PDB file of N, CA and C in Angstrom:
ATOM      1  N   MET A   1      85.501 115.806 105.781  1.00  0.00           N
ATOM      2  CA  MET A   1      86.108 114.538 105.386  1.00  0.00           C
ATOM      3  C   MET A   1      87.412 114.341 106.159  1.00  0.00           C
ATOM      4  N   GLY A   2      87.580 113.158 106.710  1.00  0.00           N
ATOM      5  CA  GLY A   2      88.771 112.868 107.494  1.00  0.00           C
ATOM      6  C   GLY A   2      89.984 112.588 106.636  1.00  0.00           C
ATOM      7  N   LYS A   3      91.127 112.494 107.316  1.00  0.00           N
ATOM      8  CA  LYS A   3      92.354 112.143 106.612  1.00  0.00           C
ATOM      9  C   LYS A   3      93.317 111.444 107.554  1.00  0.00           C
ATOM     10  N   PHE A   4      94.094 110.539 106.986  1.00  0.00           N
ATOM     11  CA  PHE A   4      95.180 109.902 107.701  1.00  0.00           C
ATOM     12  C   PHE A   4      96.427 110.738 107.444  1.00  0.00           C
ATOM     13  N   VAL A   5      97.081 111.177 108.497  1.00  0.00           N
ATOM     14  CA  VAL A   5      98.295 111.975 108.359  1.00  0.00           C
ATOM     15  C   VAL A   5      99.472 111.122 108.830  1.00  0.00           C
ATOM     16  N   ILE A   6     100.353 110.809 107.890  1.00  0.00           N
ATOM     17  CA  ILE A   6     101.557 110.036 108.199  1.00  0.00           C
ATOM     18  C   ILE A   6     102.659 111.014 108.555  1.00  0.00           C
ATOM     19  N   LYS A   7     103.340 110.763 109.675  1.00  0.00           N
ATOM     20  CA  LYS A   7     104.429 111.661 110.035  1.00  0.00           C
ATOM     21  C   LYS A   7     105.556 110.910 110.719  1.00  0.00           C
ATOM     22  N   GLU A   8     106.741 111.463 110.566  1.00  0.00           N
ATOM     23  CA  GLU A   8     107.918 110.880 111.201  1.00  0.00           C
ATOM     24  C   GLU A   8     107.986 111.309 112.652  1.00  0.00           C
ATOM     25  N   THR A   9     108.461 110.394 113.487  1.00  0.00           N
ATOM     26  CA  THR A   9     108.726 110.700 114.888  1.00  0.00           C
ATOM     27  C   THR A   9     110.215 110.436 115.119  1.00  0.00           C
ATOM     28  N   LYS A  10     110.663 110.672 116.315  1.00  0.00           N
ATOM     29  CA  LYS A  10     112.077 110.401 116.629  1.00  0.00           C
ATOM     30  C   LYS A  10     112.418 108.926 116.477  1.00  0.00           C
ATOM     31  N   THR A  11     111.410 108.063 116.663  1.00  0.00           N
ATOM     32  CA  THR A  11     111.668 106.626 116.673  1.00  0.00           C
ATOM     33  C   THR A  11     111.104 105.865 115.474  1.00  0.00           C
ATOM     34  N   GLY A  12     110.456 106.558 114.539  1.00  0.00           N
ATOM     35  CA  GLY A  12     109.893 105.869 113.382  1.00  0.00           C
ATOM     36  C   GLY A  12     108.811 106.680 112.693  1.00  0.00           C
ATOM     37  N   ILE A  13     107.781 105.999 112.219  1.00  0.00           N
ATOM     38  CA  ILE A  13     106.698 106.638 111.465  1.00  0.00           C
ATOM     39  C   ILE A  13     105.367 106.193 112.063  1.00  0.00           C
ATOM     40  N   LYS A  14     104.429 107.145 112.209  1.00  0.00           N
ATOM     41  CA  LYS A  14     103.102 106.813 112.728  1.00  0.00           C
ATOM     42  C   LYS A  14     102.056 107.590 111.954  1.00  0.00           C
ATOM     43  N   PHE A  15     100.791 107.246 112.183  1.00  0.00           N
ATOM     44  CA  PHE A  15      99.709 108.014 111.569  1.00  0.00           C
ATOM     45  C   PHE A  15      98.735 108.483 112.626  1.00  0.00           C
ATOM     46  N   ASN A  16      98.091 109.592 112.321  1.00  0.00           N
ATOM     47  CA  ASN A  16      96.941 110.081 113.072  1.00  0.00           C
ATOM     48  C   ASN A  16      95.769 110.101 112.111  1.00  0.00           C
ATOM     49  N   LEU A  17      94.611 109.640 112.562  1.00  0.00           N
ATOM     50  CA  LEU A  17      93.384 109.813 111.789  1.00  0.00           C
ATOM     51  C   LEU A  17      92.737 111.074 112.322  1.00  0.00           C
ATOM     52  N   LYS A  18      92.550 112.051 111.431  1.00  0.00           N
ATOM     53  CA  LYS A  18      91.951 113.320 111.827  1.00  0.00           C
ATOM     54  C   LYS A  18      90.564 113.459 111.210  1.00  0.00           C
ATOM     55  N   ALA A  19      89.652 114.024 111.986  1.00  0.00           N
ATOM     56  CA  ALA A  19      88.305 114.311 111.494  1.00  0.00           C
ATOM     57  C   ALA A  19      88.362 115.534 110.586  1.00  0.00           C
ATOM     58  N   GLY A  20      87.254 115.827 109.937  1.00  0.00           N
ATOM     59  CA  GLY A  20      87.185 116.972 109.041  1.00  0.00           C
ATOM     60  C   GLY A  20      87.534 118.295 109.712  1.00  0.00           C
ATOM     61  N   ASN A  21      87.309 118.378 111.044  1.00  0.00           N
ATOM     62  CA  ASN A  21      87.611 119.616 111.768  1.00  0.00           C
ATOM     63  C   ASN A  21      89.066 119.685 112.250  1.00  0.00           C
ATOM     64  N   GLY A  22      89.866 118.661 111.888  1.00  0.00           N
ATOM     65  CA  GLY A  22      91.280 118.665 112.251  1.00  0.00           C
ATOM     66  C   GLY A  22      91.594 117.981 113.569  1.00  0.00           C
ATOM     67  N   GLU A  23      90.544 117.589 114.314  1.00  0.00           N
ATOM     68  CA  GLU A  23      90.758 116.897 115.591  1.00  0.00           C
ATOM     69  C   GLU A  23      91.314 115.498 115.346  1.00  0.00           C
ATOM     70  N   VAL A  24      92.290 115.085 116.151  1.00  0.00           N
ATOM     71  CA  VAL A  24      92.825 113.726 116.057  1.00  0.00           C
ATOM     72  C   VAL A  24      91.828 112.771 116.705  1.00  0.00           C
ATOM     73  N   ILE A  25      91.391 111.775 115.942  1.00  0.00           N
ATOM     74  CA  ILE A  25      90.436 110.782 116.433  1.00  0.00           C
ATOM     75  C   ILE A  25      91.171 109.557 116.967  1.00  0.00           C
ATOM     76  N   ALA A  26      92.220 109.153 116.252  1.00  0.00           N
ATOM     77  CA  ALA A  26      92.957 107.945 116.628  1.00  0.00           C
ATOM     78  C   ALA A  26      94.410 108.071 116.205  1.00  0.00           C
ATOM     79  N   THR A  27      95.261 107.358 116.908  1.00  0.00           N
ATOM     80  CA  THR A  27      96.701 107.379 116.661  1.00  0.00           C
ATOM     81  C   THR A  27      97.191 105.940 116.550  1.00  0.00           C
ATOM     82  N   SER A  28      98.206 105.736 115.735  1.00  0.00           N
ATOM     83  CA  SER A  28      98.767 104.396 115.566  1.00  0.00           C
ATOM     84  C   SER A  28      99.972 104.195 116.475  1.00  0.00           C
ATOM     85  N   GLU A  29     100.460 102.972 116.442  1.00  0.00           N
ATOM     86  CA  GLU A  29     101.752 102.683 117.049  1.00  0.00           C
ATOM     87  C   GLU A  29     102.816 103.320 116.157  1.00  0.00           C
ATOM     88  N   VAL A  30     104.071 103.234 116.571  1.00  0.00           N
ATOM     89  CA  VAL A  30     105.168 103.736 115.738  1.00  0.00           C
ATOM     90  C   VAL A  30     105.680 102.568 114.895  1.00  0.00           C
ATOM     91  N   TYR A  31     105.717 102.789 113.578  1.00  0.00           N
ATOM     92  CA  TYR A  31     106.196 101.778 112.636  1.00  0.00           C
ATOM     93  C   TYR A  31     107.626 102.100 112.221  1.00  0.00           C
ATOM     94  N   THR A  32     108.318 101.093 111.690  1.00  0.00           N
ATOM     95  CA  THR A  32     109.700 101.316 111.259  1.00  0.00           C
ATOM     96  C   THR A  32     109.779 101.848 109.829  1.00  0.00           C
ATOM     97  N   THR A  33     108.755 101.575 109.008  1.00  0.00           N
ATOM     98  CA  THR A  33     108.771 102.039 107.621  1.00  0.00           C
ATOM     99  C   THR A  33     107.435 102.665 107.244  1.00  0.00           C
ATOM    100  N   GLU A  34     107.452 103.498 106.217  1.00  0.00           N
ATOM    101  CA  GLU A  34     106.203 104.090 105.732  1.00  0.00           C
ATOM    102  C   GLU A  34     105.287 103.013 105.164  1.00  0.00           C
ATOM    103  N   ALA A  35     105.873 101.996 104.533  1.00  0.00           N
ATOM    104  CA  ALA A  35     105.064 100.909 103.968  1.00  0.00           C
ATOM    105  C   ALA A  35     104.294 100.189 105.070  1.00  0.00           C
ATOM    106  N   ALA A  36     104.940  99.927 106.197  1.00  0.00           N
ATOM    107  CA  ALA A  36     104.269  99.275 107.322  1.00  0.00           C
ATOM    108  C   ALA A  36     103.176 100.178 107.881  1.00  0.00           C
ATOM    109  N   CYS A  37     103.436 101.480 107.931  1.00  0.00           N
ATOM    110  CA  CYS A  37     102.458 102.446 108.408  1.00  0.00           C
ATOM    111  C   CYS A  37     101.227 102.435 107.494  1.00  0.00           C
ATOM    112  N   ARG A  38     101.457 102.398 106.190  1.00  0.00           N
ATOM    113  CA  ARG A  38     100.337 102.355 105.242  1.00  0.00           C
ATOM    114  C   ARG A  38      99.521 101.067 105.396  1.00  0.00           C
ATOM    115  N   LYS A  39     100.197  99.950 105.723  1.00  0.00           N
ATOM    116  CA  LYS A  39      99.474  98.698 105.985  1.00  0.00           C
ATOM    117  C   LYS A  39      98.599  98.858 107.223  1.00  0.00           C
ATOM    118  N   GLY A  40      99.102  99.579 108.218  1.00  0.00           N
ATOM    119  CA  GLY A  40      98.314  99.857 109.417  1.00  0.00           C
ATOM    120  C   GLY A  40      97.060 100.652 109.080  1.00  0.00           C
ATOM    121  N   ILE A  41      97.208 101.637 108.192  1.00  0.00           N
ATOM    122  CA  ILE A  41      96.052 102.435 107.753  1.00  0.00           C
ATOM    123  C   ILE A  41      95.026 101.541 107.068  1.00  0.00           C
ATOM    124  N   GLU A  42      95.500 100.655 106.193  1.00  0.00           N
ATOM    125  CA  GLU A  42      94.574  99.736 105.507  1.00  0.00           C
ATOM    126  C   GLU A  42      93.871  98.836 106.511  1.00  0.00           C
ATOM    127  N   SER A  43      94.592  98.431 107.545  1.00  0.00           N
ATOM    128  CA  SER A  43      93.991  97.594 108.576  1.00  0.00           C
ATOM    129  C   SER A  43      92.895  98.350 109.328  1.00  0.00           C
ATOM    130  N   VAL A  44      93.123  99.633 109.622  1.00  0.00           N
ATOM    131  CA  VAL A  44      92.089 100.445 110.267  1.00  0.00           C
ATOM    132  C   VAL A  44      90.881 100.543 109.347  1.00  0.00           C
ATOM    133  N   ARG A  45      91.116 100.807 108.063  1.00  0.00           N
ATOM    134  CA  ARG A  45      89.998 100.886 107.108  1.00  0.00           C
ATOM    135  C   ARG A  45      89.205  99.585 107.069  1.00  0.00           C
ATOM    136  N   ASN A  46      89.927  98.459 107.043  1.00  0.00           N
ATOM    137  CA  ASN A  46      89.273  97.152 106.940  1.00  0.00           C
ATOM    138  C   ASN A  46      88.532  96.754 108.207  1.00  0.00           C
ATOM    139  N   ASN A  47      88.950  97.295 109.349  1.00  0.00           N
ATOM    140  CA  ASN A  47      88.391  96.861 110.630  1.00  0.00           C
ATOM    141  C   ASN A  47      87.570  97.926 111.347  1.00  0.00           C
ATOM    142  N   CYS A  48      87.364  99.082 110.729  1.00  0.00           N
ATOM    143  CA  CYS A  48      86.724 100.200 111.430  1.00  0.00           C
ATOM    144  C   CYS A  48      85.250  99.968 111.745  1.00  0.00           C
ATOM    145  N   ALA A  49      84.610  99.012 111.095  1.00  0.00           N
ATOM    146  CA  ALA A  49      83.191  98.738 111.362  1.00  0.00           C
ATOM    147  C   ALA A  49      82.999  97.653 112.424  1.00  0.00           C
ATOM    148  N   SER A  50      84.073  97.296 113.115  1.00  0.00           N
ATOM    149  CA  SER A  50      84.036  96.210 114.099  1.00  0.00           C
ATOM    150  C   SER A  50      83.138  96.519 115.289  1.00  0.00           C
ATOM    151  N   PRO A  51      82.709  95.458 115.998  1.00  0.00           N
ATOM    152  CA  PRO A  51      81.869  95.661 117.184  1.00  0.00           C
ATOM    153  C   PRO A  51      82.675  96.238 118.358  1.00  0.00           C
ATOM    154  N   ILE A  52      81.953  96.697 119.362  1.00  0.00           N
ATOM    155  CA  ILE A  52      82.565  97.290 120.551  1.00  0.00           C
ATOM    156  C   ILE A  52      82.451  96.318 121.718  1.00  0.00           C
ATOM    157  N   GLU A  53      83.587  96.096 122.389  1.00  0.00           N
ATOM    158  CA  GLU A  53      83.606  95.329 123.631  1.00  0.00           C
ATOM    159  C   GLU A  53      83.760  96.331 124.765  1.00  0.00           C
ATOM    160  N   ASP A  54      82.693  96.529 125.515  1.00  0.00           N
ATOM    161  CA  ASP A  54      82.702  97.511 126.607  1.00  0.00           C
ATOM    162  C   ASP A  54      83.237  96.844 127.867  1.00  0.00           C
ATOM    163  N   GLN A  55      84.471  97.205 128.238  1.00  0.00           N
ATOM    164  CA  GLN A  55      85.101  96.597 129.402  1.00  0.00           C
ATOM    165  C   GLN A  55      84.837  97.390 130.680  1.00  0.00           C
ATOM    166  N   THR A  56      83.905  98.373 130.596  1.00  0.00           N
ATOM    167  CA  THR A  56      83.591  99.184 131.774  1.00  0.00           C
ATOM    168  C   THR A  56      82.339  98.691 132.497  1.00  0.00           C
ATOM    169  N   VAL A  57      81.693  97.663 131.962  1.00  0.00           N
ATOM    170  CA  VAL A  57      80.493  97.112 132.599  1.00  0.00           C
ATOM    171  C   VAL A  57      80.671  95.607 132.814  1.00  0.00           C
ATOM    172  N   GLU A  58      80.142  95.146 133.930  1.00  0.00           N
ATOM    173  CA  GLU A  58      80.182  93.709 134.234  1.00  0.00           C
ATOM    174  C   GLU A  58      78.817  93.115 133.939  1.00  0.00           C
ATOM    175  N   PRO A  59      78.680  91.917 133.431  1.00  0.00           N
ATOM    176  CA  PRO A  59      79.783  91.135 132.893  1.00  0.00           C
ATOM    177  C   PRO A  59      80.205  91.669 131.525  1.00  0.00           C
ATOM    178  N   ILE A  60      81.478  91.511 131.225  1.00  0.00           N
ATOM    179  CA  ILE A  60      81.989  91.961 129.929  1.00  0.00           C
ATOM    180  C   ILE A  60      81.488  90.998 128.856  1.00  0.00           C
ATOM    181  N   GLU A  61      80.861  91.576 127.824  1.00  0.00           N
ATOM    182  CA  GLU A  61      80.400  90.777 126.691  1.00  0.00           C
ATOM    183  C   GLU A  61      81.554  90.686 125.699  1.00  0.00           C
ATOM    184  N   VAL A  62      82.300  89.596 125.773  1.00  0.00           N
ATOM    185  CA  VAL A  62      83.520  89.453 124.983  1.00  0.00           C
ATOM    186  C   VAL A  62      83.175  89.333 123.499  1.00  0.00           C
ATOM    187  N   GLN A  63      83.873  90.127 122.684  1.00  0.00           N
ATOM    188  CA  GLN A  63      83.714  90.100 121.223  1.00  0.00           C
ATOM    189  C   GLN A  63      84.948  89.444 120.607  1.00  0.00           C
ATOM    190  N   LYS A  64      84.757  88.845 119.431  1.00  0.00           N
ATOM    191  CA  LYS A  64      85.908  88.287 118.708  1.00  0.00           C
ATOM    192  C   LYS A  64      86.651  89.417 118.011  1.00  0.00           C
ATOM    193  N   HIS A  65      87.939  89.201 117.737  1.00  0.00           N
ATOM    194  CA  HIS A  65      88.714  90.165 116.958  1.00  0.00           C
ATOM    195  C   HIS A  65      88.235  90.119 115.514  1.00  0.00           C
ATOM    196  N   PRO A  66      88.219  91.195 114.778  1.00  0.00           N
ATOM    197  CA  PRO A  66      88.583  92.558 115.176  1.00  0.00           C
ATOM    198  C   PRO A  66      87.498  93.183 116.046  1.00  0.00           C
ATOM    199  N   LYS A  67      87.917  94.141 116.893  1.00  0.00           N
ATOM    200  CA  LYS A  67      86.975  94.799 117.792  1.00  0.00           C
ATOM    201  C   LYS A  67      87.582  96.075 118.357  1.00  0.00           C
ATOM    202  N   TYR A  68      86.682  96.924 118.862  1.00  0.00           N
ATOM    203  CA  TYR A  68      87.089  98.065 119.674  1.00  0.00           C
ATOM    204  C   TYR A  68      86.971  97.627 121.121  1.00  0.00           C
ATOM    205  N   GLU A  69      87.943  97.966 121.934  1.00  0.00           N
ATOM    206  CA  GLU A  69      87.842  97.747 123.370  1.00  0.00           C
ATOM    207  C   GLU A  69      87.700  99.109 124.038  1.00  0.00           C
ATOM    208  N   VAL A  70      86.626  99.286 124.796  1.00  0.00           N
ATOM    209  CA  VAL A  70      86.412 100.517 125.557  1.00  0.00           C
ATOM    210  C   VAL A  70      86.737 100.191 127.011  1.00  0.00           C
ATOM    211  N   TYR A  71      87.587 101.018 127.622  1.00  0.00           N
ATOM    212  CA  TYR A  71      88.004 100.760 129.001  1.00  0.00           C
ATOM    213  C   TYR A  71      88.277 102.077 129.715  1.00  0.00           C
ATOM    214  N   GLN A  72      88.436 101.998 131.037  1.00  0.00           N
ATOM    215  CA  GLN A  72      88.796 103.173 131.826  1.00  0.00           C
ATOM    216  C   GLN A  72      90.252 103.048 132.232  1.00  0.00           C
ATOM    217  N   ASP A  73      91.002 104.149 132.074  1.00  0.00           N
ATOM    218  CA  ASP A  73      92.411 104.137 132.460  1.00  0.00           C
ATOM    219  C   ASP A  73      92.553 104.458 133.947  1.00  0.00           C
ATOM    220  N   LYS A  74      93.791 104.485 134.426  1.00  0.00           N
ATOM    221  CA  LYS A  74      94.040 104.723 135.859  1.00  0.00           C
ATOM    222  C   LYS A  74      93.530 106.077 136.325  1.00  0.00           C
ATOM    223  N   ALA A  75      93.466 107.050 135.406  1.00  0.00           N
ATOM    224  CA  ALA A  75      92.983 108.392 135.749  1.00  0.00           C
ATOM    225  C   ALA A  75      91.456 108.478 135.710  1.00  0.00           C
ATOM    226  N   GLY A  76      90.801 107.359 135.350  1.00  0.00           N
ATOM    227  CA  GLY A  76      89.345 107.346 135.297  1.00  0.00           C
ATOM    228  C   GLY A  76      88.772 107.821 133.973  1.00  0.00           C
ATOM    229  N   GLU A  77      89.647 108.062 132.980  1.00  0.00           N
ATOM    230  CA  GLU A  77      89.155 108.495 131.663  1.00  0.00           C
ATOM    231  C   GLU A  77      88.803 107.273 130.815  1.00  0.00           C
ATOM    232  N   PHE A  78      87.871 107.476 129.899  1.00  0.00           N
ATOM    233  CA  PHE A  78      87.452 106.414 128.995  1.00  0.00           C
ATOM    234  C   PHE A  78      88.330 106.451 127.752  1.00  0.00           C
ATOM    235  N   ARG A  79      88.785 105.287 127.341  1.00  0.00           N
ATOM    236  CA  ARG A  79      89.650 105.167 126.164  1.00  0.00           C
ATOM    237  C   ARG A  79      89.171 103.999 125.308  1.00  0.00           C
ATOM    238  N   PHE A  80      89.648 103.984 124.061  1.00  0.00           N
ATOM    239  CA  PHE A  80      89.379 102.828 123.208  1.00  0.00           C
ATOM    240  C   PHE A  80      90.638 102.446 122.469  1.00  0.00           C
ATOM    241  N   ARG A  81      90.676 101.188 122.107  1.00  0.00           N
ATOM    242  CA  ARG A  81      91.724 100.693 121.213  1.00  0.00           C
ATOM    243  C   ARG A  81      91.045  99.806 120.182  1.00  0.00           C
ATOM    244  N   LEU A  82      91.492  99.923 118.948  1.00  0.00           N
ATOM    245  CA  LEU A  82      90.976  99.094 117.853  1.00  0.00           C
ATOM    246  C   LEU A  82      91.979  97.974 117.633  1.00  0.00           C
ATOM    247  N   LYS A  83      91.482  96.752 117.738  1.00  0.00           N
ATOM    248  CA  LYS A  83      92.347  95.590 117.544  1.00  0.00           C
ATOM    249  C   LYS A  83      91.985  94.899 116.236  1.00  0.00           C
ATOM    250  N   ALA A  84      93.020  94.456 115.526  1.00  0.00           N
ATOM    251  CA  ALA A  84      92.841  93.761 114.250  1.00  0.00           C
ATOM    252  C   ALA A  84      92.435  92.307 114.505  1.00  0.00           C
ATOM    253  N   ARG A  85      92.207  91.598 113.423  1.00  0.00           N
ATOM    254  CA  ARG A  85      91.796  90.197 113.490  1.00  0.00           C
ATOM    255  C   ARG A  85      92.790  89.347 114.292  1.00  0.00           C
ATOM    256  N   ASN A  86      94.089  89.708 114.219  1.00  0.00           N
ATOM    257  CA  ASN A  86      95.129  88.940 114.923  1.00  0.00           C
ATOM    258  C   ASN A  86      95.318  89.390 116.375  1.00  0.00           C
ATOM    259  N   GLY A  87      94.511  90.353 116.830  1.00  0.00           N
ATOM    260  CA  GLY A  87      94.601  90.811 118.206  1.00  0.00           C
ATOM    261  C   GLY A  87      95.564  91.963 118.430  1.00  0.00           C
ATOM    262  N   GLU A  88      96.288  92.366 117.382  1.00  0.00           N
ATOM    263  CA  GLU A  88      97.214  93.493 117.500  1.00  0.00           C
ATOM    264  C   GLU A  88      96.438  94.802 117.586  1.00  0.00           C
ATOM    265  N   ILE A  89      96.925  95.725 118.416  1.00  0.00           N
ATOM    266  CA  ILE A  89      96.324  97.054 118.503  1.00  0.00           C
ATOM    267  C   ILE A  89      96.760  97.851 117.276  1.00  0.00           C
ATOM    268  N   ILE A  90      95.794  98.377 116.520  1.00  0.00           N
ATOM    269  CA  ILE A  90      96.134  99.132 115.303  1.00  0.00           C
ATOM    270  C   ILE A  90      95.851 100.621 115.430  1.00  0.00           C
ATOM    271  N   ALA A  91      95.059 101.001 116.424  1.00  0.00           N
ATOM    272  CA  ALA A  91      94.802 102.421 116.661  1.00  0.00           C
ATOM    273  C   ALA A  91      94.260 102.594 118.072  1.00  0.00           C
ATOM    274  N   VAL A  92      94.580 103.744 118.674  1.00  0.00           N
ATOM    275  CA  VAL A  92      94.088 104.053 120.017  1.00  0.00           C
ATOM    276  C   VAL A  92      93.511 105.464 120.017  1.00  0.00           C
ATOM    277  N   GLY A  93      92.591 105.694 120.941  1.00  0.00           N
ATOM    278  CA  GLY A  93      91.996 107.017 121.082  1.00  0.00           C
ATOM    279  C   GLY A  93      92.572 107.734 122.290  1.00  0.00           C
ATOM    280  N   GLU A  94      92.274 109.009 122.384  1.00  0.00           N
ATOM    281  CA  GLU A  94      92.690 109.809 123.533  1.00  0.00           C
ATOM    282  C   GLU A  94      91.810 109.467 124.730  1.00  0.00           C
ATOM    283  N   GLY A  95      92.106 110.059 125.880  1.00  0.00           N
ATOM    284  CA  GLY A  95      91.269 109.877 127.048  1.00  0.00           C
ATOM    285  C   GLY A  95      90.066 110.810 126.986  1.00  0.00           C
ATOM    286  N   TYR A  96      88.892 110.284 127.286  1.00  0.00           N
ATOM    287  CA  TYR A  96      87.661 111.068 127.295  1.00  0.00           C
ATOM    288  C   TYR A  96      87.111 111.104 128.710  1.00  0.00           C
ATOM    289  N   LYS A  97      86.486 112.209 129.085  1.00  0.00           N
ATOM    290  CA  LYS A  97      85.896 112.353 130.422  1.00  0.00           C
ATOM    291  C   LYS A  97      84.643 111.495 130.584  1.00  0.00           C
ATOM    292  N   SER A  98      83.928 111.248 129.474  1.00  0.00           N
ATOM    293  CA  SER A  98      82.691 110.460 129.562  1.00  0.00           C
ATOM    294  C   SER A  98      82.694 109.339 128.527  1.00  0.00           C
ATOM    295  N   LYS A  99      81.948 108.266 128.850  1.00  0.00           N
ATOM    296  CA  LYS A  99      81.849 107.149 127.918  1.00  0.00           C
ATOM    297  C   LYS A  99      81.141 107.555 126.622  1.00  0.00           C
ATOM    298  N   PRO A 100      80.054 108.361 126.670  1.00  0.00           N
ATOM    299  CA  PRO A 100      79.437 108.769 125.398  1.00  0.00           C
ATOM    300  C   PRO A 100      80.420 109.495 124.463  1.00  0.00           C
ATOM    301  N   SER A 101      81.307 110.302 125.009  1.00  0.00           N
ATOM    302  CA  SER A 101      82.312 110.988 124.168  1.00  0.00           C
ATOM    303  C   SER A 101      83.265 109.978 123.546  1.00  0.00           C
ATOM    304  N   CYS A 102      83.659 108.976 124.322  1.00  0.00           N
ATOM    305  CA  CYS A 102      84.532 107.911 123.812  1.00  0.00           C
ATOM    306  C   CYS A 102      83.840 107.164 122.674  1.00  0.00           C
ATOM    307  N   LEU A 103      82.565 106.836 122.864  1.00  0.00           N
ATOM    308  CA  LEU A 103      81.804 106.134 121.826  1.00  0.00           C
ATOM    309  C   LEU A 103      81.636 107.008 120.584  1.00  0.00           C
ATOM    310  N   ASN A 104      81.526 108.322 120.774  1.00  0.00           N
ATOM    311  CA  ASN A 104      81.479 109.236 119.627  1.00  0.00           C
ATOM    312  C   ASN A 104      82.789 109.180 118.848  1.00  0.00           C
ATOM    313  N   GLY A 105      83.909 109.024 119.552  1.00  0.00           N
ATOM    314  CA  GLY A 105      85.206 108.883 118.881  1.00  0.00           C
ATOM    315  C   GLY A 105      85.235 107.659 117.982  1.00  0.00           C
ATOM    316  N   ILE A 106      84.704 106.554 118.484  1.00  0.00           N
ATOM    317  CA  ILE A 106      84.638 105.324 117.680  1.00  0.00           C
ATOM    318  C   ILE A 106      83.729 105.542 116.473  1.00  0.00           C
ATOM    319  N   ASP A 107      82.591 106.181 116.695  1.00  0.00           N
ATOM    320  CA  ASP A 107      81.665 106.463 115.601  1.00  0.00           C
ATOM    321  C   ASP A 107      82.336 107.333 114.534  1.00  0.00           C
ATOM    322  N   SER A 108      83.148 108.271 114.979  1.00  0.00           N
ATOM    323  CA  SER A 108      83.859 109.146 114.048  1.00  0.00           C
ATOM    324  C   SER A 108      84.857 108.359 113.198  1.00  0.00           C
ATOM    325  N   ILE A 109      85.510 107.359 113.796  1.00  0.00           N
ATOM    326  CA  ILE A 109      86.417 106.503 113.021  1.00  0.00           C
ATOM    327  C   ILE A 109      85.616 105.753 111.967  1.00  0.00           C
ATOM    328  N   ARG A 110      84.490 105.205 112.376  1.00  0.00           N
ATOM    329  CA  ARG A 110      83.646 104.444 111.440  1.00  0.00           C
ATOM    330  C   ARG A 110      83.205 105.300 110.259  1.00  0.00           C
ATOM    331  N   ARG A 111      82.936 106.584 110.522  1.00  0.00           N
ATOM    332  CA  ARG A 111      82.493 107.491 109.447  1.00  0.00           C
ATOM    333  C   ARG A 111      83.662 107.985 108.588  1.00  0.00           C
ATOM    334  N   ASN A 112      84.789 108.262 109.210  1.00  0.00           N
ATOM    335  CA  ASN A 112      85.894 108.919 108.505  1.00  0.00           C
ATOM    336  C   ASN A 112      86.909 107.986 107.856  1.00  0.00           C
ATOM    337  N   ALA A 113      87.222 106.862 108.491  1.00  0.00           N
ATOM    338  CA  ALA A 113      88.318 106.015 108.018  1.00  0.00           C
ATOM    339  C   ALA A 113      88.143 105.440 106.613  1.00  0.00           C
ATOM    340  N   PRO A 114      86.946 104.949 106.247  1.00  0.00           N
ATOM    341  CA  PRO A 114      86.844 104.275 104.948  1.00  0.00           C
ATOM    342  C   PRO A 114      87.279 105.124 103.753  1.00  0.00           C
ATOM    343  N   ASP A 115      86.954 106.421 103.751  1.00  0.00           N
ATOM    344  CA  ASP A 115      87.238 107.270 102.593  1.00  0.00           C
ATOM    345  C   ASP A 115      88.315 108.318 102.863  1.00  0.00           C
ATOM    346  N   ALA A 116      88.969 108.226 104.004  1.00  0.00           N
ATOM    347  CA  ALA A 116      89.944 109.257 104.363  1.00  0.00           C
ATOM    348  C   ALA A 116      91.144 109.234 103.429  1.00  0.00           C
ATOM    349  N   ALA A 117      91.558 110.414 103.002  1.00  0.00           N
ATOM    350  CA  ALA A 117      92.757 110.543 102.182  1.00  0.00           C
ATOM    351  C   ALA A 117      93.975 110.264 103.043  1.00  0.00           C
ATOM    352  N   ILE A 118      95.080 109.916 102.397  1.00  0.00           N
ATOM    353  CA  ILE A 118      96.349 109.724 103.111  1.00  0.00           C
ATOM    354  C   ILE A 118      97.260 110.878 102.742  1.00  0.00           C
ATOM    355  N   VAL A 119      97.733 111.592 103.754  1.00  0.00           N
ATOM    356  CA  VAL A 119      98.607 112.742 103.561  1.00  0.00           C
ATOM    357  C   VAL A 119      99.919 112.473 104.293  1.00  0.00           C
ATOM    358  N   VAL A 120     101.035 112.690 103.613  1.00  0.00           N
ATOM    359  CA  VAL A 120     102.329 112.537 104.265  1.00  0.00           C
ATOM    360  C   VAL A 120     102.799 113.905 104.699  1.00  0.00           C
ATOM    361  N   GLU A 121     103.001 114.060 106.003  1.00  0.00           N
ATOM    362  CA  GLU A 121     103.461 115.337 106.565  1.00  0.00           C
ATOM    363  C   GLU A 121     104.975 115.409 106.387  1.00  0.00           C
ATOM    364  N   GLU A 122     105.432 116.484 105.774  1.00  0.00           N
ATOM    365  CA  GLU A 122     106.873 116.640 105.547  1.00  0.00           C
ATOM    366  C   GLU A 122     107.578 116.939 106.855  1.00  0.00           C
ATOM    367  N   ALA A 123     108.737 116.329 107.036  1.00  0.00           N
ATOM    368  CA  ALA A 123     109.534 116.583 108.245  1.00  0.00           C
ATOM    369  C   ALA A 123     110.130 117.977 108.128  1.00  0.00           C
ATOM    370  N   ASN A 124     110.218 118.673 109.257  1.00  0.00           N
ATOM    371  CA  ASN A 124     110.769 120.032 109.253  1.00  0.00           C
ATOM    372  C   ASN A 124     112.273 120.012 109.223  1.00  0.00           C
TER     373      ASN A 124
END
């Protein structure tokens, strides 16, 4: 079972969605308050079943927000970002060597986010 881990950073508060094995599946932007961070988590939960817009193939089949965008970064790795209904990025994935691995990351969000517990990591 996955979990959202809220933690403080030097510049604010962010969350990581972790799979049952502890691997980080997705990371949020940095928020200014824990309340805003929790709203971000709710947004991921509400939008995690969204369609995928694959930007690595032509022609791009454009999807309406909310959606996952799959793209290749400058290093040639596959990445995704989950965008909310308003077009804001609410979560991003790490770089993957292959597109199937990237798509597995999205699938993992779809499976884990709806029921994931929220854990607040204590600052050291």
